[in-house]
Amino acid sequence: MKDNKPVPSRPNRDLNVLALLGLVAILVILMISGIAMYVVYQHPALAQPLTVAAGVAAALLTAVGLTLTRR
């Protein structure tokens, strides 16, 4: 009689791809934030437009995040 041992599950490729995509997205966001901080430091007159753009981007990212988590 054969032994019915449970087969160890392999990690899901989709989860690995999502984790990698999330990591890349975080790195891109950090890079863009660093560039924006540098531009504001060098050109203080651009602080107001960049603040508005960052607020809009944050709102859009929140909306995208909420729609993705509702799946």
PDB file of N, CA and C in Angstrom:
ATOM      1  N   MET A   1       0.835  -1.167   0.000  1.00  0.00           N
ATOM      2  CA  MET A   1       0.000   0.000   0.000  1.00  0.00           C
ATOM      3  C   MET A   1       0.893   1.247   0.000  1.00  0.00           C
ATOM      4  N   LYS A   2       0.537   2.226  -0.801  1.00  0.00           N
ATOM      5  CA  LYS A   2       1.331   3.448  -0.904  1.00  0.00           C
ATOM      6  C   LYS A   2       1.004   4.394   0.241  1.00  0.00           C
ATOM      7  N   ASP A   3       2.019   5.147   0.592  1.00  0.00           N
ATOM      8  CA  ASP A   3       1.847   6.141   1.648  1.00  0.00           C
ATOM      9  C   ASP A   3       1.273   7.423   1.030  1.00  0.00           C
ATOM     10  N   ASN A   4       0.172   7.908   1.527  1.00  0.00           N
ATOM     11  CA  ASN A   4      -0.458   9.117   0.990  1.00  0.00           C
ATOM     12  C   ASN A   4       0.011  10.352   1.745  1.00  0.00           C
ATOM     13  N   LYS A   5       1.271  10.694   1.516  1.00  0.00           N
ATOM     14  CA  LYS A   5       1.823  11.889   2.150  1.00  0.00           C
ATOM     15  C   LYS A   5       1.407  13.112   1.339  1.00  0.00           C
ATOM     16  N   PRO A   6       1.129  14.217   2.011  1.00  0.00           N
ATOM     17  CA  PRO A   6       0.792  15.427   1.262  1.00  0.00           C
ATOM     18  C   PRO A   6       2.016  15.937   0.506  1.00  0.00           C
ATOM     19  N   VAL A   7       1.786  16.337  -0.717  1.00  0.00           N
ATOM     20  CA  VAL A   7       2.863  16.866  -1.552  1.00  0.00           C
ATOM     21  C   VAL A   7       3.103  18.312  -1.139  1.00  0.00           C
ATOM     22  N   PRO A   8       4.358  18.683  -0.866  1.00  0.00           N
ATOM     23  CA  PRO A   8       4.616  20.075  -0.496  1.00  0.00           C
ATOM     24  C   PRO A   8       4.265  21.003  -1.657  1.00  0.00           C
ATOM     25  N   SER A   9       3.569  22.065  -1.326  1.00  0.00           N
ATOM     26  CA  SER A   9       3.147  22.983  -2.386  1.00  0.00           C
ATOM     27  C   SER A   9       4.296  23.897  -2.789  1.00  0.00           C
ATOM     28  N   ARG A  10       4.333  24.185  -4.065  1.00  0.00           N
ATOM     29  CA  ARG A  10       5.324  25.112  -4.582  1.00  0.00           C
ATOM     30  C   ARG A  10       4.785  26.523  -4.457  1.00  0.00           C
ATOM     31  N   PRO A  11       5.678  27.494  -4.332  1.00  0.00           N
ATOM     32  CA  PRO A  11       5.194  28.871  -4.242  1.00  0.00           C
ATOM     33  C   PRO A  11       4.480  29.265  -5.532  1.00  0.00           C
ATOM     34  N   ASN A  12       3.435  29.999  -5.373  1.00  0.00           N
ATOM     35  CA  ASN A  12       2.639  30.428  -6.511  1.00  0.00           C
ATOM     36  C   ASN A  12       3.419  31.472  -7.309  1.00  0.00           C
ATOM     37  N   ARG A  13       3.565  31.240  -8.614  1.00  0.00           N
ATOM     38  CA  ARG A  13       4.317  32.176  -9.457  1.00  0.00           C
ATOM     39  C   ARG A  13       3.648  33.533  -9.508  1.00  0.00           C
ATOM     40  N   ASP A  14       2.321  33.544  -9.482  1.00  0.00           N
ATOM     41  CA  ASP A  14       1.613  34.816  -9.547  1.00  0.00           C
ATOM     42  C   ASP A  14       1.946  35.682  -8.338  1.00  0.00           C
ATOM     43  N   LEU A  15       2.043  35.069  -7.172  1.00  0.00           N
ATOM     44  CA  LEU A  15       2.386  35.840  -5.978  1.00  0.00           C
ATOM     45  C   LEU A  15       3.811  36.377  -6.060  1.00  0.00           C
ATOM     46  N   ASN A  16       4.713  35.596  -6.623  1.00  0.00           N
ATOM     47  CA  ASN A  16       6.090  36.068  -6.793  1.00  0.00           C
ATOM     48  C   ASN A  16       6.155  37.250  -7.743  1.00  0.00           C
ATOM     49  N   VAL A  17       5.402  37.169  -8.820  1.00  0.00           N
ATOM     50  CA  VAL A  17       5.400  38.256  -9.796  1.00  0.00           C
ATOM     51  C   VAL A  17       4.788  39.513  -9.183  1.00  0.00           C
ATOM     52  N   LEU A  18       3.708  39.346  -8.413  1.00  0.00           N
ATOM     53  CA  LEU A  18       3.084  40.496  -7.763  1.00  0.00           C
ATOM     54  C   LEU A  18       4.022  41.127  -6.740  1.00  0.00           C
ATOM     55  N   ALA A  19       4.746  40.305  -6.001  1.00  0.00           N
ATOM     56  CA  ALA A  19       5.691  40.837  -5.023  1.00  0.00           C
ATOM     57  C   ALA A  19       6.807  41.604  -5.716  1.00  0.00           C
ATOM     58  N   LEU A  20       7.317  41.064  -6.806  1.00  0.00           N
ATOM     59  CA  LEU A  20       8.371  41.748  -7.556  1.00  0.00           C
ATOM     60  C   LEU A  20       7.855  43.048  -8.152  1.00  0.00           C
ATOM     61  N   LEU A  21       6.655  43.016  -8.685  1.00  0.00           N
ATOM     62  CA  LEU A  21       6.057  44.222  -9.254  1.00  0.00           C
ATOM     63  C   LEU A  21       5.850  45.284  -8.177  1.00  0.00           C
ATOM     64  N   GLY A  22       5.417  44.865  -7.006  1.00  0.00           N
ATOM     65  CA  GLY A  22       5.250  45.811  -5.905  1.00  0.00           C
ATOM     66  C   GLY A  22       6.568  46.433  -5.485  1.00  0.00           C
ATOM     67  N   LEU A  23       7.621  45.620  -5.435  1.00  0.00           N
ATOM     68  CA  LEU A  23       8.941  46.136  -5.083  1.00  0.00           C
ATOM     69  C   LEU A  23       9.435  47.155  -6.096  1.00  0.00           C
ATOM     70  N   VAL A  24       9.253  46.850  -7.371  1.00  0.00           N
ATOM     71  CA  VAL A  24       9.677  47.780  -8.422  1.00  0.00           C
ATOM     72  C   VAL A  24       8.865  49.069  -8.339  1.00  0.00           C
ATOM     73  N   ALA A  25       7.580  48.952  -8.066  1.00  0.00           N
ATOM     74  CA  ALA A  25       6.736  50.143  -7.949  1.00  0.00           C
ATOM     75  C   ALA A  25       7.197  51.014  -6.786  1.00  0.00           C
ATOM     76  N   ILE A  26       7.549  50.396  -5.665  1.00  0.00           N
ATOM     77  CA  ILE A  26       8.034  51.166  -4.517  1.00  0.00           C
ATOM     78  C   ILE A  26       9.337  51.876  -4.858  1.00  0.00           C
ATOM     79  N   LEU A  27      10.233  51.185  -5.553  1.00  0.00           N
ATOM     80  CA  LEU A  27      11.499  51.811  -5.938  1.00  0.00           C
ATOM     81  C   LEU A  27      11.285  52.986  -6.883  1.00  0.00           C
ATOM     82  N   VAL A  28      10.367  52.848  -7.825  1.00  0.00           N
ATOM     83  CA  VAL A  28      10.082  53.946  -8.760  1.00  0.00           C
ATOM     84  C   VAL A  28       9.484  55.130  -8.011  1.00  0.00           C
ATOM     85  N   ILE A  29       8.567  54.859  -7.087  1.00  0.00           N
ATOM     86  CA  ILE A  29       7.959  55.941  -6.311  1.00  0.00           C
ATOM     87  C   ILE A  29       9.016  56.666  -5.482  1.00  0.00           C
ATOM     88  N   LEU A  30       9.926  55.910  -4.868  1.00  0.00           N
ATOM     89  CA  LEU A  30      10.994  56.543  -4.097  1.00  0.00           C
ATOM     90  C   LEU A  30      11.907  57.375  -4.990  1.00  0.00           C
ATOM     91  N   MET A  31      12.201  56.889  -6.181  1.00  0.00           N
ATOM     92  CA  MET A  31      13.049  57.635  -7.101  1.00  0.00           C
ATOM     93  C   MET A  31      12.372  58.940  -7.531  1.00  0.00           C
ATOM     94  N   ILE A  32      11.087  58.865  -7.870  1.00  0.00           N
ATOM     95  CA  ILE A  32      10.363  60.064  -8.279  1.00  0.00           C
ATOM     96  C   ILE A  32      10.274  61.056  -7.114  1.00  0.00           C
ATOM     97  N   SER A  33      10.077  60.551  -5.904  1.00  0.00           N
ATOM     98  CA  SER A  33      10.025  61.425  -4.733  1.00  0.00           C
ATOM     99  C   SER A  33      11.365  62.128  -4.518  1.00  0.00           C
ATOM    100  N   GLY A  34      12.437  61.397  -4.684  1.00  0.00           N
ATOM    101  CA  GLY A  34      13.767  62.001  -4.542  1.00  0.00           C
ATOM    102  C   GLY A  34      14.028  63.069  -5.580  1.00  0.00           C
ATOM    103  N   ILE A  35      13.620  62.814  -6.807  1.00  0.00           N
ATOM    104  CA  ILE A  35      13.784  63.809  -7.868  1.00  0.00           C
ATOM    105  C   ILE A  35      12.962  65.050  -7.555  1.00  0.00           C
ATOM    106  N   ALA A  36      11.720  64.849  -7.099  1.00  0.00           N
ATOM    107  CA  ALA A  36      10.862  65.997  -6.764  1.00  0.00           C
ATOM    108  C   ALA A  36      11.460  66.806  -5.614  1.00  0.00           C
ATOM    109  N   MET A  37      12.013  66.119  -4.609  1.00  0.00           N
ATOM    110  CA  MET A  37      12.638  66.836  -3.493  1.00  0.00           C
ATOM    111  C   MET A  37      13.839  67.647  -3.976  1.00  0.00           C
ATOM    112  N   TYR A  38      14.616  67.092  -4.869  1.00  0.00           N
ATOM    113  CA  TYR A  38      15.774  67.806  -5.399  1.00  0.00           C
ATOM    114  C   TYR A  38      15.337  69.045  -6.183  1.00  0.00           C
ATOM    115  N   VAL A  39      14.295  68.895  -7.018  1.00  0.00           N
ATOM    116  CA  VAL A  39      13.818  70.023  -7.821  1.00  0.00           C
ATOM    117  C   VAL A  39      13.293  71.134  -6.918  1.00  0.00           C
ATOM    118  N   VAL A  40      12.535  70.776  -5.877  1.00  0.00           N
ATOM    119  CA  VAL A  40      12.009  71.786  -4.960  1.00  0.00           C
ATOM    120  C   VAL A  40      13.142  72.463  -4.196  1.00  0.00           C
ATOM    121  N   TYR A  41      14.163  71.706  -3.856  1.00  0.00           N
ATOM    122  CA  TYR A  41      15.300  72.292  -3.139  1.00  0.00           C
ATOM    123  C   TYR A  41      16.047  73.289  -4.019  1.00  0.00           C
ATOM    124  N   GLN A  42      16.223  72.934  -5.287  1.00  0.00           N
ATOM    125  CA  GLN A  42      16.962  73.807  -6.201  1.00  0.00           C
ATOM    126  C   GLN A  42      16.111  74.969  -6.722  1.00  0.00           C
ATOM    127  N   HIS A  43      14.811  74.772  -6.866  1.00  0.00           N
ATOM    128  CA  HIS A  43      13.903  75.790  -7.404  1.00  0.00           C
ATOM    129  C   HIS A  43      12.699  75.923  -6.475  1.00  0.00           C
ATOM    130  N   PRO A  44      12.809  76.706  -5.411  1.00  0.00           N
ATOM    131  CA  PRO A  44      11.722  76.799  -4.429  1.00  0.00           C
ATOM    132  C   PRO A  44      10.403  77.308  -5.017  1.00  0.00           C
ATOM    133  N   ALA A  45      10.429  78.006  -6.133  1.00  0.00           N
ATOM    134  CA  ALA A  45       9.188  78.511  -6.726  1.00  0.00           C
ATOM    135  C   ALA A  45       8.295  77.376  -7.225  1.00  0.00           C
ATOM    136  N   LEU A  46       8.863  76.196  -7.446  1.00  0.00           N
ATOM    137  CA  LEU A  46       8.077  75.057  -7.936  1.00  0.00           C
ATOM    138  C   LEU A  46       7.436  74.252  -6.818  1.00  0.00           C
ATOM    139  N   ALA A  47       7.600  74.672  -5.587  1.00  0.00           N
ATOM    140  CA  ALA A  47       7.090  73.888  -4.458  1.00  0.00           C
ATOM    141  C   ALA A  47       5.570  73.756  -4.499  1.00  0.00           C
ATOM    142  N   GLN A  48       4.861  74.838  -4.796  1.00  0.00           N
ATOM    143  CA  GLN A  48       3.392  74.782  -4.801  1.00  0.00           C
ATOM    144  C   GLN A  48       2.866  73.855  -5.904  1.00  0.00           C
ATOM    145  N   PRO A  49       3.291  73.982  -7.163  1.00  0.00           N
ATOM    146  CA  PRO A  49       2.774  73.057  -8.189  1.00  0.00           C
ATOM    147  C   PRO A  49       3.113  71.592  -7.901  1.00  0.00           C
ATOM    148  N   LEU A  50       4.301  71.332  -7.371  1.00  0.00           N
ATOM    149  CA  LEU A  50       4.673  69.950  -7.074  1.00  0.00           C
ATOM    150  C   LEU A  50       3.858  69.394  -5.918  1.00  0.00           C
ATOM    151  N   THR A  51       3.475  70.235  -4.965  1.00  0.00           N
ATOM    152  CA  THR A  51       2.643  69.778  -3.854  1.00  0.00           C
ATOM    153  C   THR A  51       1.263  69.369  -4.358  1.00  0.00           C
ATOM    154  N   VAL A  52       0.710  70.165  -5.256  1.00  0.00           N
ATOM    155  CA  VAL A  52      -0.597  69.832  -5.831  1.00  0.00           C
ATOM    156  C   VAL A  52      -0.506  68.540  -6.634  1.00  0.00           C
ATOM    157  N   ALA A  53       0.551  68.388  -7.427  1.00  0.00           N
ATOM    158  CA  ALA A  53       0.725  67.180  -8.233  1.00  0.00           C
ATOM    159  C   ALA A  53       0.890  65.948  -7.339  1.00  0.00           C
ATOM    160  N   ALA A  54       1.603  66.094  -6.229  1.00  0.00           N
ATOM    161  CA  ALA A  54       1.786  64.968  -5.313  1.00  0.00           C
ATOM    162  C   ALA A  54       0.461  64.581  -4.660  1.00  0.00           C
ATOM    163  N   GLY A  55      -0.358  65.571  -4.346  1.00  0.00           N
ATOM    164  CA  GLY A  55      -1.671  65.278  -3.769  1.00  0.00           C
ATOM    165  C   GLY A  55      -2.568  64.532  -4.738  1.00  0.00           C
ATOM    166  N   VAL A  56      -2.569  64.949  -5.986  1.00  0.00           N
ATOM    167  CA  VAL A  56      -3.370  64.263  -7.006  1.00  0.00           C
ATOM    168  C   VAL A  56      -2.859  62.842  -7.216  1.00  0.00           C
ATOM    169  N   ALA A  57      -1.551  62.679  -7.273  1.00  0.00           N
ATOM    170  CA  ALA A  57      -0.970  61.348  -7.462  1.00  0.00           C
ATOM    171  C   ALA A  57      -1.304  60.437  -6.285  1.00  0.00           C
ATOM    172  N   ALA A  58      -1.278  60.975  -5.075  1.00  0.00           N
ATOM    173  CA  ALA A  58      -1.616  60.174  -3.898  1.00  0.00           C
ATOM    174  C   ALA A  58      -3.079  59.732  -3.937  1.00  0.00           C
ATOM    175  N   ALA A  59      -3.948  60.625  -4.363  1.00  0.00           N
ATOM    176  CA  ALA A  59      -5.366  60.275  -4.463  1.00  0.00           C
ATOM    177  C   ALA A  59      -5.585  59.193  -5.524  1.00  0.00           C
ATOM    178  N   LEU A  60      -4.906  59.312  -6.655  1.00  0.00           N
ATOM    179  CA  LEU A  60      -5.043  58.307  -7.711  1.00  0.00           C
ATOM    180  C   LEU A  60      -4.497  56.953  -7.265  1.00  0.00           C
ATOM    181  N   LEU A  61      -3.361  56.955  -6.594  1.00  0.00           N
ATOM    182  CA  LEU A  61      -2.785  55.698  -6.117  1.00  0.00           C
ATOM    183  C   LEU A  61      -3.684  55.041  -5.076  1.00  0.00           C
ATOM    184  N   THR A  62      -4.306  55.845  -4.248  1.00  0.00           N
ATOM    185  CA  THR A  62      -5.239  55.294  -3.267  1.00  0.00           C
ATOM    186  C   THR A  62      -6.437  54.648  -3.955  1.00  0.00           C
ATOM    187  N   ALA A  63      -6.959  55.317  -4.983  1.00  0.00           N
ATOM    188  CA  ALA A  63      -8.099  54.760  -5.715  1.00  0.00           C
ATOM    189  C   ALA A  63      -7.718  53.454  -6.401  1.00  0.00           C
ATOM    190  N   VAL A  64      -6.555  53.408  -6.997  1.00  0.00           N
ATOM    191  CA  VAL A  64      -6.093  52.174  -7.664  1.00  0.00           C
ATOM    192  C   VAL A  64      -5.907  51.064  -6.636  1.00  0.00           C
ATOM    193  N   GLY A  65      -5.320  51.388  -5.501  1.00  0.00           N
ATOM    194  CA  GLY A  65      -5.119  50.397  -4.459  1.00  0.00           C
ATOM    195  C   GLY A  65      -6.424  49.835  -3.929  1.00  0.00           C
ATOM    196  N   LEU A  66      -7.413  50.702  -3.760  1.00  0.00           N
ATOM    197  CA  LEU A  66      -8.717  50.225  -3.289  1.00  0.00           C
ATOM    198  C   LEU A  66      -9.398  49.325  -4.308  1.00  0.00           C
ATOM    199  N   THR A  67      -9.277  49.663  -5.581  1.00  0.00           N
ATOM    200  CA  THR A  67      -9.920  48.817  -6.593  1.00  0.00           C
ATOM    201  C   THR A  67      -9.211  47.471  -6.710  1.00  0.00           C
ATOM    202  N   LEU A  68      -7.910  47.447  -6.532  1.00  0.00           N
ATOM    203  CA  LEU A  68      -7.190  46.182  -6.619  1.00  0.00           C
ATOM    204  C   LEU A  68      -7.471  45.273  -5.433  1.00  0.00           C
ATOM    205  N   THR A  69      -7.703  45.863  -4.260  1.00  0.00           N
ATOM    206  CA  THR A  69      -7.954  45.037  -3.087  1.00  0.00           C
ATOM    207  C   THR A  69      -9.392  44.535  -3.013  1.00  0.00           C
ATOM    208  N   ARG A  70     -10.271  45.049  -3.821  1.00  0.00           N
ATOM    209  CA  ARG A  70     -11.681  44.613  -3.808  1.00  0.00           C
ATOM    210  C   ARG A  70     -11.903  43.375  -4.643  1.00  0.00           C
ATOM    211  N   ARG A  71     -10.912  42.848  -5.284  1.00  0.00           N
ATOM    212  CA  ARG A  71     -11.050  41.660  -6.146  1.00  0.00           C
ATOM    213  C   ARG A  71     -11.580  40.502  -5.389  1.00  0.00           C
TER     214      ARG A  71
END
